[in-house]
C-alpha atoms as a PDB file:
ATOM      1  CA  UNK A   1       3.048 -32.203   8.592  1.00  0.00           C
ATOM      2  CA  UNK A   2       0.701 -30.409  10.759  1.00  0.00           C
ATOM      3  CA  UNK A   3       1.166 -26.552  10.349  1.00  0.00           C
ATOM      4  CA  UNK A   4      -0.260 -23.946  12.368  1.00  0.00           C
ATOM      5  CA  UNK A   5      -0.651 -20.469  10.846  1.00  0.00           C
ATOM      6  CA  UNK A   6      -1.400 -17.513  13.325  1.00  0.00           C
ATOM      7  CA  UNK A   7      -2.855 -14.975  11.230  1.00  0.00           C
ATOM      8  CA  UNK A   8      -5.855 -14.910   8.738  1.00  0.00           C
ATOM      9  CA  UNK A   9      -5.150 -12.122   6.723  1.00  0.00           C
ATOM     10  CA  UNK A  10      -4.490 -11.862   3.190  1.00  0.00           C
ATOM     11  CA  UNK A  11      -0.772 -13.574   3.766  1.00  0.00           C
ATOM     12  CA  UNK A  12      -2.137 -16.102   6.435  1.00  0.00           C
ATOM     13  CA  UNK A  13      -5.124 -17.166   4.055  1.00  0.00           C
ATOM     14  CA  UNK A  14      -2.942 -17.735   1.055  1.00  0.00           C
ATOM     15  CA  UNK A  15      -0.067 -19.756   2.866  1.00  0.00           C
ATOM     16  CA  UNK A  16      -2.876 -22.076   4.498  1.00  0.00           C
ATOM     17  CA  UNK A  17      -4.326 -22.912   1.201  1.00  0.00           C
ATOM     18  CA  UNK A  18      -0.995 -23.563  -0.189  1.00  0.00           C
ATOM     19  CA  UNK A  19       0.395 -25.726   2.627  1.00  0.00           C
ATOM     20  CA  UNK A  20      -3.126 -27.400   2.234  1.00  0.00           C
ATOM     21  CA  UNK A  21      -2.734 -27.975  -1.491  1.00  0.00           C
ATOM     22  CA  UNK A  22       0.588 -30.008  -0.475  1.00  0.00           C
ATOM     23  CA  UNK A  23      -1.678 -32.511   1.936  1.00  0.00           C
ATOM     24  CA  UNK A  24      -0.602 -30.989   5.344  1.00  0.00           C
ATOM     25  CA  UNK A  25      -3.161 -30.591   7.861  1.00  0.00           C
ATOM     26  CA  UNK A  26      -3.520 -26.627   8.194  1.00  0.00           C
ATOM     27  CA  UNK A  27      -4.806 -25.122  11.597  1.00  0.00           C
ATOM     28  CA  UNK A  28      -5.383 -21.521  10.551  1.00  0.00           C
ATOM     29  CA  UNK A  29      -5.984 -19.244  13.701  1.00  0.00           C
ATOM     30  CA  UNK A  30      -6.779 -15.399  14.440  1.00  0.00           C
ATOM     31  CA  UNK A  31      -6.718 -13.074  17.435  1.00  0.00           C
ATOM     32  CA  UNK A  32     -10.943 -13.010  17.272  1.00  0.00           C
ATOM     33  CA  UNK A  33     -11.004 -16.739  17.677  1.00  0.00           C
ATOM     34  CA  UNK A  34     -12.165 -20.109  15.227  1.00  0.00           C
ATOM     35  CA  UNK A  35     -15.563 -18.704  15.121  1.00  0.00           C
ATOM     36  CA  UNK A  36     -14.939 -15.442  13.300  1.00  0.00           C
ATOM     37  CA  UNK A  37     -13.376 -17.760  10.344  1.00  0.00           C
ATOM     38  CA  UNK A  38     -16.537 -19.793   9.686  1.00  0.00           C
ATOM     39  CA  UNK A  39     -17.960 -17.461   7.431  1.00  0.00           C
ATOM     40  CA  UNK A  40     -15.098 -18.164   4.914  1.00  0.00           C
ATOM     41  CA  UNK A  41     -14.954 -22.356   5.586  1.00  0.00           C
ATOM     42  CA  UNK A  42     -16.096 -22.735   1.748  1.00  0.00           C
ATOM     43  CA  UNK A  43     -12.973 -20.727   0.613  1.00  0.00           C
ATOM     44  CA  UNK A  44     -10.620 -23.705   2.464  1.00  0.00           C
ATOM     45  CA  UNK A  45      -9.844 -27.478   1.703  1.00  0.00           C
ATOM     46  CA  UNK A  46     -11.242 -29.731   4.156  1.00  0.00           C
ATOM     47  CA  UNK A  47      -7.466 -30.178   5.821  1.00  0.00           C
ATOM     48  CA  UNK A  48      -7.694 -26.701   7.130  1.00  0.00           C
ATOM     49  CA  UNK A  49      -9.391 -26.481  10.223  1.00  0.00           C
ATOM     50  CA  UNK A  50      -9.816 -22.951  12.055  1.00  0.00           C
ATOM     51  CA  UNK A  51      -8.332 -23.124  16.008  1.00  0.00           C
ATOM     52  CA  UNK A  52      -7.516 -21.116  18.545  1.00  0.00           C
ATOM     53  CA  UNK A  53      -4.239 -19.203  18.537  1.00  0.00           C
ATOM     54  CA  UNK A  54      -3.061 -21.478  21.465  1.00  0.00           C
ATOM     55  CA  UNK A  55      -3.817 -24.636  19.537  1.00  0.00           C
ATOM     56  CA  UNK A  56      -1.778 -23.185  16.230  1.00  0.00           C
ATOM     57  CA  UNK A  57       1.043 -22.120  18.404  1.00  0.00           C
ATOM     58  CA  UNK A  58       1.797 -25.950  19.393  1.00  0.00           C
ATOM     59  CA  UNK A  59       2.112 -27.811  15.884  1.00  0.00           C
ATOM     60  CA  UNK A  60       5.669 -28.901  14.641  1.00  0.00           C
ATOM     61  CA  UNK A  61       5.848 -25.895  12.279  1.00  0.00           C
ATOM     62  CA  UNK A  62       4.239 -22.777  12.934  1.00  0.00           C
ATOM     63  CA  UNK A  63       3.981 -19.737  10.640  1.00  0.00           C
ATOM     64  CA  UNK A  64       3.849 -16.304  12.009  1.00  0.00           C
ATOM     65  CA  UNK A  65       1.788 -13.912   9.919  1.00  0.00           C
ATOM     66  CA  UNK A  66       0.618 -11.109  11.810  1.00  0.00           C
ATOM     67  CA  UNK A  67       2.089  -7.566  11.582  1.00  0.00           C
ATOM     68  CA  UNK A  68       5.572  -7.293  12.931  1.00  0.00           C
ATOM     69  CA  UNK A  69       4.656  -5.004  15.683  1.00  0.00           C
ATOM     70  CA  UNK A  70       2.230  -8.003  17.329  1.00  0.00           C
ATOM     71  CA  UNK A  71       4.460 -11.017  16.549  1.00  0.00           C
ATOM     72  CA  UNK A  72       6.660 -10.779  19.765  1.00  0.00           C
ATOM     73  CA  UNK A  73       3.625 -10.793  22.110  1.00  0.00           C
ATOM     74  CA  UNK A  74       2.123 -13.521  20.458  1.00  0.00           C
ATOM     75  CA  UNK A  75       4.938 -15.799  20.272  1.00  0.00           C
ATOM     76  CA  UNK A  76       5.722 -15.112  23.583  1.00  0.00           C
ATOM     77  CA  UNK A  77       2.389 -17.122  24.706  1.00  0.00           C
ATOM     78  CA  UNK A  78       4.883 -20.091  24.583  1.00  0.00           C
ATOM     79  CA  UNK A  79       7.611 -20.530  27.064  1.00  0.00           C
ATOM     80  CA  UNK A  80       9.298 -23.130  25.332  1.00  0.00           C
ATOM     81  CA  UNK A  81       8.977 -24.190  21.434  1.00  0.00           C
ATOM     82  CA  UNK A  82      11.042 -27.185  22.354  1.00  0.00           C
ATOM     83  CA  UNK A  83      13.142 -26.745  18.742  1.00  0.00           C
ATOM     84  CA  UNK A  84      10.009 -26.890  16.802  1.00  0.00           C
ATOM     85  CA  UNK A  85      10.352 -24.383  13.480  1.00  0.00           C
ATOM     86  CA  UNK A  86       8.607 -21.118  13.202  1.00  0.00           C
ATOM     87  CA  UNK A  87       8.705 -19.821   9.785  1.00  0.00           C
ATOM     88  CA  UNK A  88       8.817 -15.545   9.936  1.00  0.00           C
ATOM     89  CA  UNK A  89       6.866 -14.069   7.171  1.00  0.00           C
ATOM     90  CA  UNK A  90       6.483 -10.769   8.732  1.00  0.00           C
ATOM     91  CA  UNK A  91       8.035  -7.268   7.677  1.00  0.00           C
ATOM     92  CA  UNK A  92       9.099  -4.868   9.944  1.00  0.00           C
ATOM     93  CA  UNK A  93       6.943  -1.551   9.299  1.00  0.00           C
ATOM     94  CA  UNK A  94       3.658  -0.226  10.780  1.00  0.00           C
ATOM     95  CA  UNK A  95       0.020  -0.492   9.656  1.00  0.00           C
ATOM     96  CA  UNK A  96       0.566   2.786   7.534  1.00  0.00           C
ATOM     97  CA  UNK A  97       3.919   1.317   6.084  1.00  0.00           C
ATOM     98  CA  UNK A  98       6.645   2.896   8.359  1.00  0.00           C
ATOM     99  CA  UNK A  99       9.836   1.362   8.636  1.00  0.00           C
ATOM    100  CA  UNK A 100       9.785  -0.198  12.326  1.00  0.00           C
ATOM    101  CA  UNK A 101      13.844   0.419  13.349  1.00  0.00           C
ATOM    102  CA  UNK A 102      14.854  -3.062  15.002  1.00  0.00           C
ATOM    103  CA  UNK A 103      18.877  -2.231  14.844  1.00  0.00           C
ATOM    104  CA  UNK A 104      20.930  -3.484  15.972  1.00  0.00           C
ATOM    105  CA  UNK A 105      18.942  -6.963  15.659  1.00  0.00           C
ATOM    106  CA  UNK A 106      17.367  -7.614  12.276  1.00  0.00           C
ATOM    107  CA  UNK A 107      13.772  -8.303  12.291  1.00  0.00           C
ATOM    108  CA  UNK A 108      14.186 -11.686  12.053  1.00  0.00           C
ATOM    109  CA  UNK A 109      16.487 -11.878  14.881  1.00  0.00           C
ATOM    110  CA  UNK A 110      13.710 -10.151  16.798  1.00  0.00           C
ATOM    111  CA  UNK A 111      11.019 -12.734  15.921  1.00  0.00           C
ATOM    112  CA  UNK A 112      13.616 -15.177  16.621  1.00  0.00           C
ATOM    113  CA  UNK A 113      14.358 -13.629  20.433  1.00  0.00           C
ATOM    114  CA  UNK A 114      10.715 -13.901  20.876  1.00  0.00           C
ATOM    115  CA  UNK A 115      10.076 -17.596  20.091  1.00  0.00           C
ATOM    116  CA  UNK A 116      12.137 -19.101  23.036  1.00  0.00           C
ATOM    117  CA  UNK A 117      13.888 -22.361  21.902  1.00  0.00           C
ATOM    118  CA  UNK A 118      12.515 -22.355  18.545  1.00  0.00           C
ATOM    119  CA  UNK A 119      14.330 -22.775  15.238  1.00  0.00           C
ATOM    120  CA  UNK A 120      13.207 -19.785  13.249  1.00  0.00           C
ATOM    121  CA  UNK A 121      13.311 -19.508   9.256  1.00  0.00           C
ATOM    122  CA  UNK A 122      12.731 -16.438   7.318  1.00  0.00           C
ATOM    123  CA  UNK A 123      10.695 -16.567   4.433  1.00  0.00           C
ATOM    124  CA  UNK A 124       7.918 -15.694   1.884  1.00  0.00           C
ATOM    125  CA  UNK A 125       8.336 -12.013   3.097  1.00  0.00           C
ATOM    126  CA  UNK A 126      10.171 -11.250  -0.114  1.00  0.00           C
ATOM    127  CA  UNK A 127       7.025 -12.472  -2.106  1.00  0.00           C
ATOM    128  CA  UNK A 128       4.022 -10.419  -2.625  1.00  0.00           C
ATOM    129  CA  UNK A 129       0.843 -12.422  -1.656  1.00  0.00           C
ATOM    130  CA  UNK A 130      -0.319 -13.459  -5.422  1.00  0.00           C
ATOM    131  CA  UNK A 131       3.109 -15.404  -5.802  1.00  0.00           C
ATOM    132  CA  UNK A 132       3.018 -16.831  -2.251  1.00  0.00           C
ATOM    133  CA  UNK A 133       1.012 -20.320  -3.806  1.00  0.00           C
ATOM    134  CA  UNK A 134       4.078 -20.811  -5.787  1.00  0.00           C
ATOM    135  CA  UNK A 135       2.570 -20.602  -9.385  1.00  0.00           C
ATOM    136  CA  UNK A 136       4.267 -18.950 -12.242  1.00  0.00           C
ATOM    137  CA  UNK A 137       2.878 -18.048 -15.780  1.00  0.00           C
ATOM    138  CA  UNK A 138       4.173 -20.865 -17.869  1.00  0.00           C
ATOM    139  CA  UNK A 139       7.114 -23.233 -16.994  1.00  0.00           C
ATOM    140  CA  UNK A 140       9.402 -22.928 -14.136  1.00  0.00           C
ATOM    141  CA  UNK A 141       9.449 -22.792 -10.293  1.00  0.00           C
ATOM    142  CA  UNK A 142       8.683 -19.499  -8.009  1.00  0.00           C
ATOM    143  CA  UNK A 143      12.103 -18.522  -6.335  1.00  0.00           C
ATOM    144  CA  UNK A 144      11.714 -18.627  -2.468  1.00  0.00           C
ATOM    145  CA  UNK A 145      14.349 -16.885  -0.834  1.00  0.00           C
ATOM    146  CA  UNK A 146      14.903 -18.401   3.264  1.00  0.00           C
ATOM    147  CA  UNK A 147      17.151 -18.000   5.815  1.00  0.00           C
ATOM    148  CA  UNK A 148      17.821 -19.263   9.172  1.00  0.00           C
ATOM    149  CA  UNK A 149      20.476 -20.052  11.954  1.00  0.00           C
ATOM    150  CA  UNK A 150      19.807 -24.345  12.075  1.00  0.00           C
ATOM    151  CA  UNK A 151      20.819 -26.345   9.310  1.00  0.00           C
ATOM    152  CA  UNK A 152      18.296 -29.200   9.904  1.00  0.00           C
ATOM    153  CA  UNK A 153      15.573 -27.054  10.188  1.00  0.00           C
ATOM    154  CA  UNK A 154      16.235 -25.165   6.691  1.00  0.00           C
ATOM    155  CA  UNK A 155      16.666 -28.482   5.166  1.00  0.00           C
ATOM    156  CA  UNK A 156      13.023 -29.572   6.650  1.00  0.00           C
ATOM    157  CA  UNK A 157      11.490 -26.332   5.228  1.00  0.00           C
ATOM    158  CA  UNK A 158      13.089 -26.634   1.762  1.00  0.00           C
ATOM    159  CA  UNK A 159      11.751 -30.235   1.709  1.00  0.00           C
ATOM    160  CA  UNK A 160       8.603 -28.806   2.680  1.00  0.00           C
ATOM    161  CA  UNK A 161       8.110 -26.007   0.111  1.00  0.00           C
ATOM    162  CA  UNK A 162       9.873 -27.900  -2.972  1.00  0.00           C
ATOM    163  CA  UNK A 163       6.721 -29.921  -3.826  1.00  0.00           C
ATOM    164  CA  UNK A 164       4.513 -26.612  -3.949  1.00  0.00           C
ATOM    165  CA  UNK A 165       6.253 -25.485  -7.217  1.00  0.00           C
ATOM    166  CA  UNK A 166       8.847 -23.213  -5.171  1.00  0.00           C
ATOM    167  CA  UNK A 167      13.132 -23.118  -5.761  1.00  0.00           C
ATOM    168  CA  UNK A 168      14.133 -22.800  -2.373  1.00  0.00           C
ATOM    169  CA  UNK A 169      17.265 -20.357  -2.477  1.00  0.00           C
ATOM    170  CA  UNK A 170      19.319 -20.481   1.095  1.00  0.00           C
ATOM    171  CA  UNK A 171      20.806 -16.953   1.959  1.00  0.00           C
ATOM    172  CA  UNK A 172      22.178 -18.245   5.092  1.00  0.00           C
ATOM    173  CA  UNK A 173      21.720 -17.082   8.774  1.00  0.00           C
ATOM    174  CA  UNK A 174      19.026 -14.612  10.433  1.00  0.00           C
ATOM    175  CA  UNK A 175      21.689 -12.201  10.709  1.00  0.00           C
ATOM    176  CA  UNK A 176      22.891 -11.829   7.119  1.00  0.00           C
ATOM    177  CA  UNK A 177      19.835 -13.437   5.243  1.00  0.00           C
ATOM    178  CA  UNK A 178      17.385 -11.455   7.316  1.00  0.00           C
ATOM    179  CA  UNK A 179      19.032  -8.137   6.754  1.00  0.00           C
ATOM    180  CA  UNK A 180      18.668  -8.834   3.314  1.00  0.00           C
ATOM    181  CA  UNK A 181      14.963 -10.136   2.923  1.00  0.00           C
ATOM    182  CA  UNK A 182      14.004  -7.574   5.475  1.00  0.00           C
ATOM    183  CA  UNK A 183      12.508  -3.775   4.657  1.00  0.00           C
ATOM    184  CA  UNK A 184      15.223  -1.813   2.683  1.00  0.00           C
ATOM    185  CA  UNK A 185      17.628  -4.934   2.400  1.00  0.00           C
ATOM    186  CA  UNK A 186      17.489  -4.888  -1.393  1.00  0.00           C
ATOM    187  CA  UNK A 187      15.340  -7.878  -1.711  1.00  0.00           C
ATOM    188  CA  UNK A 188      11.861  -6.891  -0.930  1.00  0.00           C
ATOM    189  CA  UNK A 189       8.814  -7.590  -3.485  1.00  0.00           C
ATOM    190  CA  UNK A 190      10.872  -9.633  -5.436  1.00  0.00           C
ATOM    191  CA  UNK A 191       9.122 -12.844  -7.600  1.00  0.00           C
ATOM    192  CA  UNK A 192      12.008 -14.711  -9.865  1.00  0.00           C
ATOM    193  CA  UNK A 193      11.411 -17.769 -11.645  1.00  0.00           C
ATOM    194  CA  UNK A 194      13.700 -20.697 -12.054  1.00  0.00           C
ATOM    195  CA  UNK A 195      13.396 -22.284 -15.493  1.00  0.00           C
ATOM    196  CA  UNK A 196      14.403 -25.861 -14.866  1.00  0.00           C
ATOM    197  CA  UNK A 197      16.488 -27.462 -17.954  1.00  0.00           C
END
């Protein structure tokens, strides 16, 4: 699958490497352009390319890995996502870790509202970056909570992450699942492991 990642900070970098490990074509982008990523070329596999944000936003699956405050503006660069999947990995706090109030919407519903006609999946935000690659110490698979309003998109997402050593756990729709996954929702910074029997 072709995957566009918006944001090349810690989270975007880890996810680019994770999806690349699965053999996907990953297009990593940042606001300062692909040339700003060139010095980091050796850190990525050959199936990771550096592109403009506008190009990454056009891929079949888009991962939004920028600060929550910036995400709506970035996503609104596309007028119609044409039912493509957007994976929201944001948490609704400021750069100095102050919680951003989004009520009556959940943070993921704010993202969905900004991504017109996209099928939004909330995922990865409950994991510390060091566990976003799916690894476990010993035997088992990394539990990955996710939520979304589109059943087919959730099935596609689950099938995408299973081969990367994740055990996807569906928490339902963005309203409920997103609320327990977001800051203050109870599942923040979790790193459960499932041992297969």
